[in-house]
Amino acid sequence: MSQYKNTTAGFETLRKRIITKLIPVLLLALISGLAITYFQKDNNRLGPLTWLFIIVVLAAIMCYALIKAIKRQKEIYYSYQLTIGADYLTRLQNGLSAITLNFTEITQISADKYGNLLIKGQKNGQRIAVSMSLENYEEVKNLLQSVIPISEAKLDKLLQKYSLLSPLVAVALMVTVYLSNNKAVVATTGVILLGLMIWSFYKIRTSPQVDSGIKRKSLWILVVIISIILIVYNKVIVS
């Protein structure tokens, strides 16, 4: 039985990827929040000092969220442990349920463009990721190659584009719901937005690959969903 953990050097690469992905999303959220606030009735009359205060507070919240996200990912990264036995492998990681796969249960091992491996089992949710930053990576890769040939991961281009555009679409829908007074537009965008948010909430809560901390925080999505329902109801039904 052999045990492997992630190397210290590998986290720097992961940290850069986290920052690269999160900063555009946070900036988009900041800009859309300011736009919604500005175009609300009478809010465009706020003085420059008030707007400066709002921007500073929101920026501070964004920075705090980024720091917390990196810290959490650091804890998860260093908690990773892969155990390989004579006929099985087990992954342990903070916030995630332990997964054990017998070699006979492995249906596919694929490698992405960075060299990271994804091991899939027979059942839905039976997935073990192996980072290229794992200690003795080549040794592990060769061992897995002897179990089942490693294939190249094929990304769905449409899915890849959707993952990049989905934050933009969600923000555009939310801004429209908050600012538009056209009942048809609010109803249409509201239903689409609610559908996207409910689907996202379901995927986060049911995925075995999402850690428990994120699942707990995802409950805030319910607050946003209720808020959108009330706004749509007020604009379409009441007014």
C-alpha atoms as a PDB file:
ATOM      1  CA  MET A   1       0.000   0.000   0.000  1.00  0.00           C
ATOM      2  CA  SER A   2       1.366   3.421  -1.010  1.00  0.00           C
ATOM      3  CA  GLN A   3       0.144   6.888  -0.024  1.00  0.00           C
ATOM      4  CA  TYR A   4       0.599  10.098  -1.985  1.00  0.00           C
ATOM      5  CA  LYS A   5      -0.074  13.777  -1.213  1.00  0.00           C
ATOM      6  CA  ASN A   6       0.044  16.999  -3.193  1.00  0.00           C
ATOM      7  CA  THR A   7       3.359  18.835  -3.371  1.00  0.00           C
ATOM      8  CA  THR A   8       3.892  22.285  -1.857  1.00  0.00           C
ATOM      9  CA  ALA A   9       5.003  23.819  -5.161  1.00  0.00           C
ATOM     10  CA  GLY A  10       1.793  22.796  -6.917  1.00  0.00           C
ATOM     11  CA  PHE A  11      -0.423  25.112  -4.880  1.00  0.00           C
ATOM     12  CA  GLU A  12       1.124  28.256  -6.401  1.00  0.00           C
ATOM     13  CA  THR A  13      -0.103  27.175  -9.829  1.00  0.00           C
ATOM     14  CA  LEU A  14      -3.546  26.433  -8.391  1.00  0.00           C
ATOM     15  CA  ARG A  15      -3.634  29.811  -6.608  1.00  0.00           C
ATOM     16  CA  LYS A  16      -2.925  31.659  -9.864  1.00  0.00           C
ATOM     17  CA  ARG A  17      -5.735  29.780 -11.609  1.00  0.00           C
ATOM     18  CA  ILE A  18      -8.154  30.601  -8.791  1.00  0.00           C
ATOM     19  CA  ILE A  19      -7.280  34.309  -8.968  1.00  0.00           C
ATOM     20  CA  THR A  20      -7.516  34.325 -12.776  1.00  0.00           C
ATOM     21  CA  LYS A  21     -11.003  32.792 -12.669  1.00  0.00           C
ATOM     22  CA  LEU A  22     -12.436  34.605  -9.639  1.00  0.00           C
ATOM     23  CA  ILE A  23     -11.336  38.209 -10.260  1.00  0.00           C
ATOM     24  CA  PRO A  24     -13.365  38.658 -13.505  1.00  0.00           C
ATOM     25  CA  VAL A  25     -16.429  37.132 -11.807  1.00  0.00           C
ATOM     26  CA  LEU A  26     -16.055  39.391  -8.750  1.00  0.00           C
ATOM     27  CA  LEU A  27     -15.543  42.490 -10.901  1.00  0.00           C
ATOM     28  CA  LEU A  28     -18.611  41.591 -12.934  1.00  0.00           C
ATOM     29  CA  ALA A  29     -20.634  41.203  -9.732  1.00  0.00           C
ATOM     30  CA  LEU A  30     -19.324  44.557  -8.444  1.00  0.00           C
ATOM     31  CA  ILE A  31     -20.155  46.430 -11.656  1.00  0.00           C
ATOM     32  CA  SER A  32     -23.622  44.879 -11.945  1.00  0.00           C
ATOM     33  CA  GLY A  33     -24.366  45.633  -8.282  1.00  0.00           C
ATOM     34  CA  LEU A  34     -23.367  49.260  -8.762  1.00  0.00           C
ATOM     35  CA  ALA A  35     -25.430  49.484 -11.957  1.00  0.00           C
ATOM     36  CA  ILE A  36     -28.536  48.124 -10.227  1.00  0.00           C
ATOM     37  CA  THR A  37     -28.031  50.534  -7.329  1.00  0.00           C
ATOM     38  CA  TYR A  38     -27.407  53.535  -9.600  1.00  0.00           C
ATOM     39  CA  PHE A  39     -30.387  53.043 -11.882  1.00  0.00           C
ATOM     40  CA  GLN A  40     -32.850  52.395  -9.072  1.00  0.00           C
ATOM     41  CA  LYS A  41     -35.233  55.313  -8.578  1.00  0.00           C
ATOM     42  CA  ASP A  42     -33.595  58.275  -6.757  1.00  0.00           C
ATOM     43  CA  ASN A  43     -30.317  56.399  -6.188  1.00  0.00           C
ATOM     44  CA  ASN A  44     -28.642  58.278  -9.049  1.00  0.00           C
ATOM     45  CA  ARG A  45     -28.988  61.412  -6.882  1.00  0.00           C
ATOM     46  CA  LEU A  46     -26.523  60.079  -4.322  1.00  0.00           C
ATOM     47  CA  GLY A  47     -23.436  62.251  -3.819  1.00  0.00           C
ATOM     48  CA  PRO A  48     -19.903  61.287  -4.927  1.00  0.00           C
ATOM     49  CA  LEU A  49     -18.771  60.570  -1.353  1.00  0.00           C
ATOM     50  CA  THR A  50     -21.669  58.156  -0.865  1.00  0.00           C
ATOM     51  CA  TRP A  51     -20.808  56.359  -4.098  1.00  0.00           C
ATOM     52  CA  LEU A  52     -17.142  56.216  -3.088  1.00  0.00           C
ATOM     53  CA  PHE A  53     -18.133  54.669   0.239  1.00  0.00           C
ATOM     54  CA  ILE A  54     -20.326  52.072  -1.502  1.00  0.00           C
ATOM     55  CA  ILE A  55     -17.542  51.163  -3.954  1.00  0.00           C
ATOM     56  CA  VAL A  56     -14.924  50.849  -1.177  1.00  0.00           C
ATOM     57  CA  VAL A  57     -17.206  48.657   0.959  1.00  0.00           C
ATOM     58  CA  LEU A  58     -18.117  46.386  -1.957  1.00  0.00           C
ATOM     59  CA  ALA A  59     -14.477  46.149  -3.070  1.00  0.00           C
ATOM     60  CA  ALA A  60     -13.443  45.220   0.493  1.00  0.00           C
ATOM     61  CA  ILE A  61     -16.089  42.483   0.563  1.00  0.00           C
ATOM     62  CA  MET A  62     -14.843  41.147  -2.771  1.00  0.00           C
ATOM     63  CA  CYS A  63     -11.221  41.079  -1.558  1.00  0.00           C
ATOM     64  CA  TYR A  64     -12.279  39.286   1.619  1.00  0.00           C
ATOM     65  CA  ALA A  65     -14.205  36.710  -0.416  1.00  0.00           C
ATOM     66  CA  LEU A  66     -11.172  36.127  -2.659  1.00  0.00           C
ATOM     67  CA  ILE A  67      -8.819  35.675   0.311  1.00  0.00           C
ATOM     68  CA  LYS A  68     -11.254  33.269   2.003  1.00  0.00           C
ATOM     69  CA  ALA A  69     -11.662  31.252  -1.214  1.00  0.00           C
ATOM     70  CA  ILE A  70      -7.883  30.881  -1.628  1.00  0.00           C
ATOM     71  CA  LYS A  71      -7.454  29.918   2.028  1.00  0.00           C
ATOM     72  CA  ARG A  72     -10.203  27.297   1.767  1.00  0.00           C
ATOM     73  CA  GLN A  73      -8.733  25.839  -1.427  1.00  0.00           C
ATOM     74  CA  LYS A  74      -5.322  25.702   0.244  1.00  0.00           C
ATOM     75  CA  GLU A  75      -6.745  23.617   3.101  1.00  0.00           C
ATOM     76  CA  ILE A  76      -8.481  21.290   0.655  1.00  0.00           C
ATOM     77  CA  TYR A  77      -5.389  20.997  -1.555  1.00  0.00           C
ATOM     78  CA  TYR A  78      -3.049  19.977   1.262  1.00  0.00           C
ATOM     79  CA  SER A  79      -5.577  17.578   2.795  1.00  0.00           C
ATOM     80  CA  TYR A  80      -5.619  15.438  -0.359  1.00  0.00           C
ATOM     81  CA  GLN A  81      -4.380  11.887   0.127  1.00  0.00           C
ATOM     82  CA  LEU A  82      -4.372   9.098  -2.439  1.00  0.00           C
ATOM     83  CA  THR A  83      -3.876   5.547  -1.230  1.00  0.00           C
ATOM     84  CA  ILE A  84      -3.107   2.807  -3.756  1.00  0.00           C
ATOM     85  CA  GLY A  85      -3.348  -0.792  -2.634  1.00  0.00           C
ATOM     86  CA  ALA A  86      -2.876  -4.098  -4.412  1.00  0.00           C
ATOM     87  CA  ASP A  87      -6.265  -3.891  -6.166  1.00  0.00           C
ATOM     88  CA  TYR A  88      -7.864  -0.610  -5.118  1.00  0.00           C
ATOM     89  CA  LEU A  89      -7.318   3.119  -4.649  1.00  0.00           C
ATOM     90  CA  THR A  90      -8.831   5.494  -2.075  1.00  0.00           C
ATOM     91  CA  ARG A  91      -9.057   9.273  -2.060  1.00  0.00           C
ATOM     92  CA  LEU A  92      -9.363  11.240   1.185  1.00  0.00           C
ATOM     93  CA  GLN A  93      -9.877  15.013   1.209  1.00  0.00           C
ATOM     94  CA  ASN A  94     -11.328  17.561   3.637  1.00  0.00           C
ATOM     95  CA  GLY A  95     -14.974  18.380   3.012  1.00  0.00           C
ATOM     96  CA  LEU A  96     -15.506  15.441   0.645  1.00  0.00           C
ATOM     97  CA  SER A  97     -16.660  11.898   1.291  1.00  0.00           C
ATOM     98  CA  ALA A  98     -13.962   9.241   0.997  1.00  0.00           C
ATOM     99  CA  ILE A  99     -14.061   7.367  -2.304  1.00  0.00           C
ATOM    100  CA  THR A 100     -12.663   3.869  -2.821  1.00  0.00           C
ATOM    101  CA  LEU A 101     -12.505   2.208  -6.225  1.00  0.00           C
ATOM    102  CA  ASN A 102     -11.471  -1.346  -6.919  1.00  0.00           C
ATOM    103  CA  PHE A 103      -9.402  -1.625 -10.081  1.00  0.00           C
ATOM    104  CA  THR A 104     -12.175  -3.722 -11.617  1.00  0.00           C
ATOM    105  CA  GLU A 105     -14.627  -0.812 -11.089  1.00  0.00           C
ATOM    106  CA  ILE A 106     -12.550   1.708 -13.052  1.00  0.00           C
ATOM    107  CA  THR A 107     -14.158   2.411 -16.422  1.00  0.00           C
ATOM    108  CA  GLN A 108     -12.018   5.305 -17.662  1.00  0.00           C
ATOM    109  CA  ILE A 109      -8.895   7.299 -16.835  1.00  0.00           C
ATOM    110  CA  SER A 110      -8.450  10.529 -18.788  1.00  0.00           C
ATOM    111  CA  ALA A 111      -5.783  13.234 -18.769  1.00  0.00           C
ATOM    112  CA  ASP A 112      -6.510  16.920 -19.413  1.00  0.00           C
ATOM    113  CA  LYS A 113      -4.187  19.362 -21.185  1.00  0.00           C
ATOM    114  CA  TYR A 114      -2.387  20.125 -17.910  1.00  0.00           C
ATOM    115  CA  GLY A 115      -1.717  16.450 -17.183  1.00  0.00           C
ATOM    116  CA  ASN A 116      -4.290  16.124 -14.392  1.00  0.00           C
ATOM    117  CA  LEU A 117      -5.986  12.732 -14.313  1.00  0.00           C
ATOM    118  CA  LEU A 118      -9.645  11.893 -13.770  1.00  0.00           C
ATOM    119  CA  ILE A 119     -10.519   8.345 -12.732  1.00  0.00           C
ATOM    120  CA  LYS A 120     -14.145   7.294 -13.281  1.00  0.00           C
ATOM    121  CA  GLY A 121     -15.946   4.377 -11.667  1.00  0.00           C
ATOM    122  CA  GLN A 122     -19.040   2.458 -12.702  1.00  0.00           C
ATOM    123  CA  LYS A 123     -21.461   4.514 -10.597  1.00  0.00           C
ATOM    124  CA  ASN A 124     -22.378   8.164 -10.945  1.00  0.00           C
ATOM    125  CA  GLY A 125     -20.231  10.251  -8.612  1.00  0.00           C
ATOM    126  CA  GLN A 126     -17.416   7.707  -8.433  1.00  0.00           C
ATOM    127  CA  ARG A 127     -14.672  10.040  -9.592  1.00  0.00           C
ATOM    128  CA  ILE A 128     -11.166  10.547  -8.281  1.00  0.00           C
ATOM    129  CA  ALA A 129      -9.041  13.446  -9.506  1.00  0.00           C
ATOM    130  CA  VAL A 130      -5.270  13.158  -9.499  1.00  0.00           C
ATOM    131  CA  SER A 131      -3.378  16.432  -9.779  1.00  0.00           C
ATOM    132  CA  MET A 132      -0.197  16.713 -11.807  1.00  0.00           C
ATOM    133  CA  SER A 133       1.226  18.247  -8.619  1.00  0.00           C
ATOM    134  CA  LEU A 134       0.910  14.941  -6.783  1.00  0.00           C
ATOM    135  CA  GLU A 135       4.171  13.668  -5.350  1.00  0.00           C
ATOM    136  CA  ASN A 136       5.685  10.865  -7.444  1.00  0.00           C
ATOM    137  CA  TYR A 137       3.170  11.731 -10.151  1.00  0.00           C
ATOM    138  CA  GLU A 138       4.886   9.698 -12.881  1.00  0.00           C
ATOM    139  CA  GLU A 139       4.943   6.636 -10.636  1.00  0.00           C
ATOM    140  CA  VAL A 140       1.200   6.961  -9.985  1.00  0.00           C
ATOM    141  CA  LYS A 141       0.475   7.610 -13.660  1.00  0.00           C
ATOM    142  CA  ASN A 142       2.396   4.522 -14.771  1.00  0.00           C
ATOM    143  CA  LEU A 143       0.637   2.401 -12.166  1.00  0.00           C
ATOM    144  CA  LEU A 144      -2.770   3.614 -13.322  1.00  0.00           C
ATOM    145  CA  GLN A 145      -1.747   3.102 -16.952  1.00  0.00           C
ATOM    146  CA  SER A 146      -1.172  -0.568 -16.130  1.00  0.00           C
ATOM    147  CA  VAL A 147      -4.745  -0.819 -14.813  1.00  0.00           C
ATOM    148  CA  ILE A 148      -6.461   0.797 -17.802  1.00  0.00           C
ATOM    149  CA  PRO A 149      -5.036   2.844 -20.715  1.00  0.00           C
ATOM    150  CA  ILE A 150      -5.131   6.588 -20.068  1.00  0.00           C
ATOM    151  CA  SER A 151      -7.049   8.524 -22.721  1.00  0.00           C
ATOM    152  CA  GLU A 152      -7.032  12.207 -23.599  1.00  0.00           C
ATOM    153  CA  ALA A 153      -9.859  14.166 -21.994  1.00  0.00           C
ATOM    154  CA  LYS A 154     -12.235  15.543 -24.603  1.00  0.00           C
ATOM    155  CA  LEU A 155     -13.992  18.742 -23.655  1.00  0.00           C
ATOM    156  CA  ASP A 156     -17.335  19.603 -25.160  1.00  0.00           C
ATOM    157  CA  LYS A 157     -16.675  22.947 -26.887  1.00  0.00           C
ATOM    158  CA  LEU A 158     -20.294  24.007 -26.434  1.00  0.00           C
ATOM    159  CA  LEU A 159     -20.173  23.142 -22.722  1.00  0.00           C
ATOM    160  CA  GLN A 160     -16.849  24.957 -22.382  1.00  0.00           C
ATOM    161  CA  LYS A 161     -18.272  28.110 -23.983  1.00  0.00           C
ATOM    162  CA  TYR A 162     -21.398  27.852 -21.815  1.00  0.00           C
ATOM    163  CA  SER A 163     -19.317  27.675 -18.636  1.00  0.00           C
ATOM    164  CA  LEU A 164     -17.592  30.920 -19.657  1.00  0.00           C
ATOM    165  CA  LEU A 165     -20.778  32.708 -20.710  1.00  0.00           C
ATOM    166  CA  SER A 166     -23.072  31.539 -17.905  1.00  0.00           C
ATOM    167  CA  PRO A 167     -21.914  34.203 -15.378  1.00  0.00           C
ATOM    168  CA  LEU A 168     -22.485  36.931 -17.987  1.00  0.00           C
ATOM    169  CA  VAL A 169     -25.932  35.564 -18.831  1.00  0.00           C
ATOM    170  CA  ALA A 170     -26.914  35.281 -15.166  1.00  0.00           C
ATOM    171  CA  VAL A 171     -25.789  38.846 -14.389  1.00  0.00           C
ATOM    172  CA  ALA A 172     -27.568  40.230 -17.482  1.00  0.00           C
ATOM    173  CA  LEU A 173     -30.791  38.455 -16.489  1.00  0.00           C
ATOM    174  CA  MET A 174     -30.554  39.701 -12.910  1.00  0.00           C
ATOM    175  CA  VAL A 175     -29.930  43.312 -13.966  1.00  0.00           C
ATOM    176  CA  THR A 176     -32.923  43.092 -16.335  1.00  0.00           C
ATOM    177  CA  VAL A 177     -35.206  41.705 -13.611  1.00  0.00           C
ATOM    178  CA  TYR A 178     -34.223  44.457 -11.176  1.00  0.00           C
ATOM    179  CA  LEU A 179     -34.291  47.408 -13.575  1.00  0.00           C
ATOM    180  CA  SER A 180     -36.936  46.659 -16.213  1.00  0.00           C
ATOM    181  CA  ASN A 181     -40.536  47.727 -15.695  1.00  0.00           C
ATOM    182  CA  ASN A 182     -41.867  45.813 -18.696  1.00  0.00           C
ATOM    183  CA  LYS A 183     -44.022  42.984 -17.326  1.00  0.00           C
ATOM    184  CA  ALA A 184     -43.354  40.611 -20.224  1.00  0.00           C
ATOM    185  CA  VAL A 185     -39.601  41.170 -20.068  1.00  0.00           C
ATOM    186  CA  VAL A 186     -39.478  40.779 -16.270  1.00  0.00           C
ATOM    187  CA  ALA A 187     -41.596  37.611 -16.384  1.00  0.00           C
ATOM    188  CA  THR A 188     -39.514  36.012 -19.152  1.00  0.00           C
ATOM    189  CA  THR A 189     -36.090  36.874 -17.746  1.00  0.00           C
ATOM    190  CA  GLY A 190     -37.253  36.069 -14.226  1.00  0.00           C
ATOM    191  CA  VAL A 191     -38.350  32.545 -15.151  1.00  0.00           C
ATOM    192  CA  ILE A 192     -35.090  31.876 -17.022  1.00  0.00           C
ATOM    193  CA  LEU A 193     -33.001  33.255 -14.156  1.00  0.00           C
ATOM    194  CA  LEU A 194     -34.904  31.221 -11.563  1.00  0.00           C
ATOM    195  CA  GLY A 195     -34.464  28.100 -13.679  1.00  0.00           C
ATOM    196  CA  LEU A 196     -30.689  28.654 -13.894  1.00  0.00           C
ATOM    197  CA  MET A 197     -30.350  29.336 -10.171  1.00  0.00           C
ATOM    198  CA  ILE A 198     -32.473  26.369  -9.089  1.00  0.00           C
ATOM    199  CA  TRP A 199     -30.491  24.093 -11.424  1.00  0.00           C
ATOM    200  CA  SER A 200     -27.184  25.452 -10.063  1.00  0.00           C
ATOM    201  CA  PHE A 201     -28.376  24.994  -6.466  1.00  0.00           C
ATOM    202  CA  TYR A 202     -29.397  21.402  -7.200  1.00  0.00           C
ATOM    203  CA  LYS A 203     -26.075  20.577  -8.883  1.00  0.00           C
ATOM    204  CA  ILE A 204     -24.048  22.026  -6.007  1.00  0.00           C
ATOM    205  CA  ARG A 205     -26.069  20.248  -3.320  1.00  0.00           C
ATOM    206  CA  THR A 206     -26.032  16.845  -5.017  1.00  0.00           C
ATOM    207  CA  SER A 207     -22.499  16.739  -6.434  1.00  0.00           C
ATOM    208  CA  PRO A 208     -20.072  14.496  -4.496  1.00  0.00           C
ATOM    209  CA  GLN A 209     -17.215  16.578  -5.943  1.00  0.00           C
ATOM    210  CA  VAL A 210     -18.279  19.769  -4.108  1.00  0.00           C
ATOM    211  CA  ASP A 211     -16.945  20.152  -0.582  1.00  0.00           C
ATOM    212  CA  SER A 212     -19.251  20.569   2.423  1.00  0.00           C
ATOM    213  CA  GLY A 213     -18.240  24.206   3.017  1.00  0.00           C
ATOM    214  CA  ILE A 214     -19.443  25.300  -0.417  1.00  0.00           C
ATOM    215  CA  LYS A 215     -22.629  23.270   0.027  1.00  0.00           C
ATOM    216  CA  ARG A 216     -23.397  25.108   3.283  1.00  0.00           C
ATOM    217  CA  LYS A 217     -22.763  28.495   1.688  1.00  0.00           C
ATOM    218  CA  SER A 218     -24.938  27.556  -1.292  1.00  0.00           C
ATOM    219  CA  LEU A 219     -27.968  27.974   0.991  1.00  0.00           C
ATOM    220  CA  TRP A 220     -27.600  31.719   0.358  1.00  0.00           C
ATOM    221  CA  ILE A 221     -28.740  30.980  -3.201  1.00  0.00           C
ATOM    222  CA  LEU A 222     -32.177  30.283  -1.709  1.00  0.00           C
ATOM    223  CA  VAL A 223     -32.245  33.846  -0.328  1.00  0.00           C
ATOM    224  CA  VAL A 224     -31.488  35.223  -3.796  1.00  0.00           C
ATOM    225  CA  ILE A 225     -34.126  32.937  -5.356  1.00  0.00           C
ATOM    226  CA  ILE A 226     -36.777  34.153  -2.880  1.00  0.00           C
ATOM    227  CA  SER A 227     -35.742  37.766  -3.549  1.00  0.00           C
ATOM    228  CA  ILE A 228     -36.130  37.300  -7.320  1.00  0.00           C
ATOM    229  CA  ILE A 229     -39.519  35.605  -6.882  1.00  0.00           C
ATOM    230  CA  LEU A 230     -40.761  38.550  -4.785  1.00  0.00           C
ATOM    231  CA  ILE A 231     -39.479  41.112  -7.292  1.00  0.00           C
ATOM    232  CA  VAL A 232     -41.046  39.307 -10.253  1.00  0.00           C
ATOM    233  CA  TYR A 233     -44.325  38.864  -8.348  1.00  0.00           C
ATOM    234  CA  ASN A 234     -44.390  42.535  -7.369  1.00  0.00           C
ATOM    235  CA  LYS A 235     -43.626  43.811 -10.880  1.00  0.00           C
ATOM    236  CA  VAL A 236     -45.779  41.372 -12.853  1.00  0.00           C
ATOM    237  CA  ILE A 237     -48.747  40.667 -10.551  1.00  0.00           C
ATOM    238  CA  VAL A 238     -49.035  43.508  -8.032  1.00  0.00           C
ATOM    239  CA  SER A 239     -48.106  46.554 -10.107  1.00  0.00           C
END
